[in-house]
Amino acid sequence: MHLLAVTGHYAADVVVLLGGQDFEIYRIEREEAETSQLIKQKRTFWRGASCSTKESLPITCAQGNDPLSRN
């Protein structure tokens, strides 16, 4: 789901080769509710990380920037 959220795509095909012989394709479709929850959790995590580790991140809370803002 992460890659679908980041890229904006609505589906992805995962191709696997099992045992060197069985070729299978699995389609994964984006679920908006799950994607929305994932983005909220990541935003909470990164806001905490950027405020507590100012030295390790180029953009920090001290500068008044939101590292997850799209503006």
Protein backbone atom coordinates (compact mmCIF):
# COMPACT_ATOMS: atom_id res chain seq x y z
CA MET A 1 0.00 0.00 0.00
CA HIS A 2 2.88 2.37 0.72
CA LEU A 3 4.08 2.44 -2.87
CA LEU A 4 0.56 2.93 -4.18
CA ALA A 5 0.10 5.88 -1.82
CA VAL A 6 3.45 7.43 -2.74
CA THR A 7 3.07 7.04 -6.50
CA GLY A 8 -0.64 7.81 -6.67
CA HIS A 9 -1.36 4.62 -8.61
CA TYR A 10 -4.55 2.69 -7.91
CA ALA A 11 -3.26 -0.82 -8.57
CA ALA A 12 -0.06 -2.80 -8.97
CA ASP A 13 0.69 -6.22 -10.39
CA VAL A 14 3.08 -8.42 -8.44
CA VAL A 15 4.70 -11.14 -10.54
CA VAL A 16 6.19 -14.22 -8.88
CA LEU A 17 7.92 -17.34 -10.11
CA LEU A 18 7.38 -20.22 -7.70
CA GLY A 19 9.84 -23.08 -7.75
CA GLY A 20 11.28 -21.83 -11.01
CA GLN A 21 8.21 -23.11 -12.86
CA ASP A 22 4.94 -21.62 -11.69
CA PHE A 23 4.45 -18.09 -13.01
CA GLU A 24 1.70 -16.15 -11.20
CA ILE A 25 0.46 -12.58 -11.24
CA TYR A 26 -1.30 -10.99 -8.26
CA ARG A 27 -3.11 -7.67 -8.57
CA ILE A 28 -3.09 -5.42 -5.51
CA GLU A 29 -5.63 -2.62 -5.54
CA ARG A 30 -5.45 0.54 -3.48
CA GLU A 31 -7.91 0.82 -0.62
CA GLU A 32 -8.52 4.46 0.25
CA ALA A 33 -9.41 3.85 3.92
CA GLU A 34 -6.23 1.85 4.51
CA THR A 35 -4.12 4.34 2.55
CA SER A 36 -5.53 7.27 4.53
CA GLN A 37 -4.78 5.53 7.84
CA LEU A 38 -1.25 4.69 6.68
CA ILE A 39 -0.55 8.32 5.74
CA LYS A 40 -1.85 9.53 9.12
CA GLN A 41 0.42 7.08 10.96
CA LYS A 42 3.45 8.10 8.89
CA ARG A 43 2.74 11.79 9.43
CA THR A 44 2.56 11.22 13.21
CA PHE A 45 5.81 9.23 13.17
CA TRP A 46 7.79 11.74 11.09
CA ARG A 47 6.59 14.76 13.03
CA GLY A 48 7.84 13.10 16.22
CA ALA A 49 11.11 12.05 14.58
CA SER A 50 11.80 15.49 13.12
CA CYS A 51 11.12 17.22 16.44
CA SER A 52 13.26 14.84 18.51
CA THR A 53 16.22 14.40 16.13
CA LYS A 54 16.86 17.91 14.85
CA GLU A 55 20.51 17.19 14.09
CA SER A 56 19.82 14.17 11.86
CA LEU A 57 17.16 15.63 9.57
CA PRO A 58 17.64 18.52 7.13
CA ILE A 59 14.19 19.99 7.88
CA THR A 60 13.25 20.35 11.53
CA CYS A 61 10.37 21.62 13.62
CA ALA A 62 12.64 24.38 14.89
CA GLN A 63 12.63 25.85 11.39
CA GLY A 64 8.83 25.82 11.36
CA ASN A 65 8.63 23.44 8.40
CA ASP A 66 6.44 20.39 8.13
CA PRO A 67 8.52 17.69 6.39
CA LEU A 68 5.30 16.04 5.18
CA SER A 69 3.69 19.16 3.78
CA ARG A 70 3.11 19.16 0.03
CA ASN A 71 3.12 22.95 -0.16
